[in-house]
N, C-alpha and C. Protein backbone atom coordinates (compact mmCIF):
# COMPACT_ATOMS: atom_id res chain seq x y z
N UNK A 1 167.60 79.77 -184.53
CA UNK A 1 167.46 81.20 -184.45
C UNK A 1 166.85 81.63 -183.11
N UNK A 2 165.97 80.83 -182.57
CA UNK A 2 165.33 81.16 -181.30
C UNK A 2 166.37 81.19 -180.19
N UNK A 3 167.32 80.26 -180.22
CA UNK A 3 168.35 80.22 -179.19
C UNK A 3 169.19 81.49 -179.21
N UNK A 4 169.52 81.99 -180.39
CA UNK A 4 170.29 83.22 -180.49
C UNK A 4 169.51 84.40 -179.92
N UNK A 5 168.23 84.45 -180.20
CA UNK A 5 167.40 85.54 -179.66
C UNK A 5 167.36 85.48 -178.13
N UNK A 6 167.24 84.27 -177.58
CA UNK A 6 167.20 84.14 -176.12
C UNK A 6 168.54 84.51 -175.49
N UNK A 7 169.63 84.13 -176.14
CA UNK A 7 170.95 84.51 -175.63
C UNK A 7 171.11 86.02 -175.64
N UNK A 8 170.67 86.67 -176.72
CA UNK A 8 170.75 88.13 -176.79
C UNK A 8 169.92 88.77 -175.69
N UNK A 9 168.68 88.32 -175.53
CA UNK A 9 167.80 88.93 -174.53
C UNK A 9 168.37 88.75 -173.14
N UNK A 10 168.86 87.54 -172.84
CA UNK A 10 169.40 87.27 -171.51
C UNK A 10 170.66 88.09 -171.23
N UNK A 11 171.61 88.13 -172.17
CA UNK A 11 172.85 88.87 -171.93
C UNK A 11 172.58 90.38 -171.89
N UNK A 12 171.69 90.87 -172.72
CA UNK A 12 171.39 92.30 -172.68
C UNK A 12 170.70 92.68 -171.38
N UNK A 13 169.79 91.83 -170.90
CA UNK A 13 169.11 92.08 -169.63
C UNK A 13 170.11 92.11 -168.48
N UNK A 14 171.02 91.15 -168.45
CA UNK A 14 172.03 91.10 -167.39
C UNK A 14 172.95 92.32 -167.50
N UNK A 15 173.38 92.66 -168.71
CA UNK A 15 174.29 93.79 -168.90
C UNK A 15 173.68 95.11 -168.48
N UNK A 16 172.43 95.34 -168.86
CA UNK A 16 171.78 96.61 -168.52
C UNK A 16 171.58 96.71 -167.01
N UNK A 17 171.16 95.62 -166.39
CA UNK A 17 170.96 95.66 -164.95
C UNK A 17 172.28 95.81 -164.20
N UNK A 18 173.35 95.18 -164.70
CA UNK A 18 174.65 95.37 -164.07
C UNK A 18 175.21 96.76 -164.30
N UNK A 19 174.75 97.43 -165.33
CA UNK A 19 175.22 98.79 -165.58
C UNK A 19 174.49 99.80 -164.69
N UNK A 20 173.19 99.71 -164.62
CA UNK A 20 172.43 100.79 -164.00
C UNK A 20 172.05 100.57 -162.54
N UNK A 21 171.94 99.33 -162.08
CA UNK A 21 171.62 99.12 -160.66
C UNK A 21 172.76 99.60 -159.74
N UNK A 22 174.03 99.34 -160.06
CA UNK A 22 175.09 99.91 -159.21
C UNK A 22 175.08 101.43 -159.19
N UNK A 23 174.69 102.06 -160.30
CA UNK A 23 174.61 103.52 -160.30
C UNK A 23 173.53 104.00 -159.34
N UNK A 24 172.46 103.23 -159.23
CA UNK A 24 171.41 103.57 -158.26
C UNK A 24 171.98 103.49 -156.84
N UNK A 25 172.71 102.42 -156.55
CA UNK A 25 173.30 102.27 -155.22
C UNK A 25 174.36 103.34 -154.95
N UNK A 26 175.10 103.71 -155.98
CA UNK A 26 176.10 104.78 -155.81
C UNK A 26 175.43 106.11 -155.50
N UNK A 27 174.31 106.37 -156.14
CA UNK A 27 173.58 107.60 -155.86
C UNK A 27 173.03 107.61 -154.44
N UNK A 28 172.56 106.46 -153.98
CA UNK A 28 172.07 106.38 -152.60
C UNK A 28 173.20 106.55 -151.60
N UNK A 29 174.42 106.13 -151.99
CA UNK A 29 175.57 106.26 -151.09
C UNK A 29 176.14 107.68 -151.10
N UNK A 30 175.64 108.53 -152.00
CA UNK A 30 176.07 109.92 -152.01
C UNK A 30 177.19 110.24 -152.97
N UNK A 31 177.36 109.44 -154.00
CA UNK A 31 178.41 109.73 -154.97
C UNK A 31 178.10 111.03 -155.70
N UNK A 32 179.03 111.95 -155.75
CA UNK A 32 178.78 113.20 -156.48
C UNK A 32 178.72 112.95 -157.98
N UNK A 33 177.91 113.72 -158.66
CA UNK A 33 177.77 113.57 -160.11
C UNK A 33 178.52 114.71 -160.82
N UNK A 34 178.79 114.46 -162.08
CA UNK A 34 179.39 115.44 -162.98
C UNK A 34 180.75 115.95 -162.51
N UNK A 35 181.56 115.07 -161.98
CA UNK A 35 182.95 115.42 -161.68
C UNK A 35 183.84 114.38 -162.34
N UNK A 36 185.05 114.76 -162.65
CA UNK A 36 185.94 113.88 -163.41
C UNK A 36 186.61 112.82 -162.54
N UNK A 37 186.81 113.09 -161.28
CA UNK A 37 187.55 112.16 -160.43
C UNK A 37 186.69 111.80 -159.21
N UNK A 38 186.45 110.50 -159.01
CA UNK A 38 185.64 110.04 -157.90
C UNK A 38 186.53 109.52 -156.78
N UNK A 39 186.08 109.58 -155.54
CA UNK A 39 186.83 108.99 -154.44
C UNK A 39 186.93 107.46 -154.59
N UNK A 40 187.97 106.86 -154.03
CA UNK A 40 188.19 105.42 -154.15
C UNK A 40 187.10 104.61 -153.46
N UNK A 41 186.35 105.22 -152.60
CA UNK A 41 185.27 104.53 -151.91
C UNK A 41 184.24 103.96 -152.89
N UNK A 42 184.05 104.61 -154.03
CA UNK A 42 183.04 104.21 -155.00
C UNK A 42 183.59 103.32 -156.11
N UNK A 43 184.84 102.94 -156.03
CA UNK A 43 185.49 102.21 -157.10
C UNK A 43 184.85 100.85 -157.39
N UNK A 44 184.49 100.10 -156.37
CA UNK A 44 183.93 98.76 -156.57
C UNK A 44 182.66 98.77 -157.40
N UNK A 45 181.72 99.66 -157.05
CA UNK A 45 180.48 99.73 -157.80
C UNK A 45 180.71 100.26 -159.22
N UNK A 46 181.68 101.16 -159.38
CA UNK A 46 181.99 101.66 -160.72
C UNK A 46 182.56 100.56 -161.60
N UNK A 47 183.36 99.66 -161.02
CA UNK A 47 183.90 98.53 -161.79
C UNK A 47 182.77 97.60 -162.21
N UNK A 48 181.84 97.31 -161.30
CA UNK A 48 180.69 96.46 -161.64
C UNK A 48 179.88 97.10 -162.76
N UNK A 49 179.67 98.40 -162.68
CA UNK A 49 178.92 99.10 -163.71
C UNK A 49 179.65 99.05 -165.06
N UNK A 50 180.96 99.17 -165.05
CA UNK A 50 181.73 99.09 -166.29
C UNK A 50 181.66 97.69 -166.90
N UNK A 51 181.73 96.66 -166.07
CA UNK A 51 181.60 95.29 -166.57
C UNK A 51 180.22 95.08 -167.19
N UNK A 52 179.19 95.63 -166.56
CA UNK A 52 177.86 95.53 -167.12
C UNK A 52 177.74 96.20 -168.48
N UNK A 53 178.40 97.33 -168.65
CA UNK A 53 178.34 97.99 -169.96
C UNK A 53 179.07 97.18 -171.02
N UNK A 54 180.15 96.50 -170.65
CA UNK A 54 180.84 95.62 -171.61
C UNK A 54 179.97 94.42 -171.97
N UNK A 55 179.23 93.89 -171.01
CA UNK A 55 178.32 92.78 -171.31
C UNK A 55 177.22 93.26 -172.27
N UNK A 56 176.72 94.46 -172.09
CA UNK A 56 175.73 95.02 -173.01
C UNK A 56 176.31 95.19 -174.41
N UNK A 57 177.57 95.57 -174.48
CA UNK A 57 178.23 95.70 -175.78
C UNK A 57 178.34 94.34 -176.47
N UNK A 58 178.69 93.32 -175.73
CA UNK A 58 178.76 91.97 -176.29
C UNK A 58 177.38 91.52 -176.77
N UNK A 59 176.34 91.82 -176.01
CA UNK A 59 174.98 91.46 -176.41
C UNK A 59 174.59 92.19 -177.70
N UNK A 60 175.02 93.42 -177.85
CA UNK A 60 174.73 94.17 -179.08
C UNK A 60 175.44 93.54 -180.27
N UNK A 61 176.68 93.09 -180.09
CA UNK A 61 177.38 92.39 -181.17
C UNK A 61 176.69 91.08 -181.52
N UNK A 62 176.19 90.36 -180.51
CA UNK A 62 175.43 89.14 -180.78
C UNK A 62 174.21 89.46 -181.62
N UNK A 63 173.53 90.56 -181.29
CA UNK A 63 172.35 90.95 -182.06
C UNK A 63 172.71 91.27 -183.51
N UNK A 64 173.79 92.01 -183.73
CA UNK A 64 174.18 92.34 -185.10
C UNK A 64 174.60 91.10 -185.88
N UNK A 65 175.31 90.19 -185.23
CA UNK A 65 175.68 88.94 -185.90
C UNK A 65 174.44 88.13 -186.26
N UNK A 66 173.46 88.12 -185.35
CA UNK A 66 172.20 87.44 -185.63
C UNK A 66 171.51 88.06 -186.84
N UNK A 67 171.46 89.38 -186.90
CA UNK A 67 170.82 90.07 -188.03
C UNK A 67 171.52 89.74 -189.34
N UNK A 68 172.86 89.75 -189.32
CA UNK A 68 173.60 89.44 -190.54
C UNK A 68 173.40 88.00 -190.98
N UNK A 69 173.41 87.07 -190.03
CA UNK A 69 173.22 85.67 -190.41
C UNK A 69 171.79 85.42 -190.90
N UNK A 70 170.82 86.07 -190.30
CA UNK A 70 169.43 85.92 -190.74
C UNK A 70 169.24 86.49 -192.15
N UNK A 71 169.85 87.64 -192.41
CA UNK A 71 169.75 88.22 -193.75
C UNK A 71 170.42 87.33 -194.78
N UNK A 72 171.56 86.75 -194.42
CA UNK A 72 172.26 85.84 -195.33
C UNK A 72 171.43 84.58 -195.57
N UNK A 73 170.80 84.06 -194.53
CA UNK A 73 169.94 82.88 -194.66
C UNK A 73 168.77 83.16 -195.58
N UNK A 74 168.13 84.31 -195.42
CA UNK A 74 166.98 84.65 -196.28
C UNK A 74 167.40 84.85 -197.72
N UNK A 75 168.59 85.43 -197.91
CA UNK A 75 169.06 85.67 -199.27
C UNK A 75 169.32 84.33 -199.96
N UNK A 76 169.93 83.37 -199.26
CA UNK A 76 170.19 82.06 -199.85
C UNK A 76 168.88 81.34 -200.15
N UNK A 77 167.91 81.51 -199.27
CA UNK A 77 166.62 80.86 -199.45
C UNK A 77 165.88 81.44 -200.66
N UNK A 78 166.00 82.75 -200.87
CA UNK A 78 165.35 83.36 -202.02
C UNK A 78 166.02 82.92 -203.33
N UNK A 79 167.34 82.74 -203.32
CA UNK A 79 168.03 82.29 -204.53
C UNK A 79 167.61 80.87 -204.90
N UNK A 80 167.36 80.03 -203.90
CA UNK A 80 166.94 78.66 -204.17
C UNK A 80 165.57 78.62 -204.83
N UNK A 81 164.68 79.48 -204.41
CA UNK A 81 163.31 79.44 -204.92
C UNK A 81 163.20 80.04 -206.33
N UNK A 82 164.20 80.74 -206.78
CA UNK A 82 164.15 81.37 -208.11
C UNK A 82 164.49 80.38 -209.20
């Protein structure tokens, strides 16, 4: 169980940093906010930010799977003790 927690923490940390650090750099580069279409100059950092958000999504699924497996483990353990 500890390994799953460490995998979740590591992937979520990487995903969040890959999502928001490029946005910081894009803001420093002068990317306009609140418009639907961005210039192609900012495409690379936007792709990195999108990949980071997908990694965060995968980390969230890992967390939910961990919660479900832990709940199932506890339920089986309680049935044994009864």
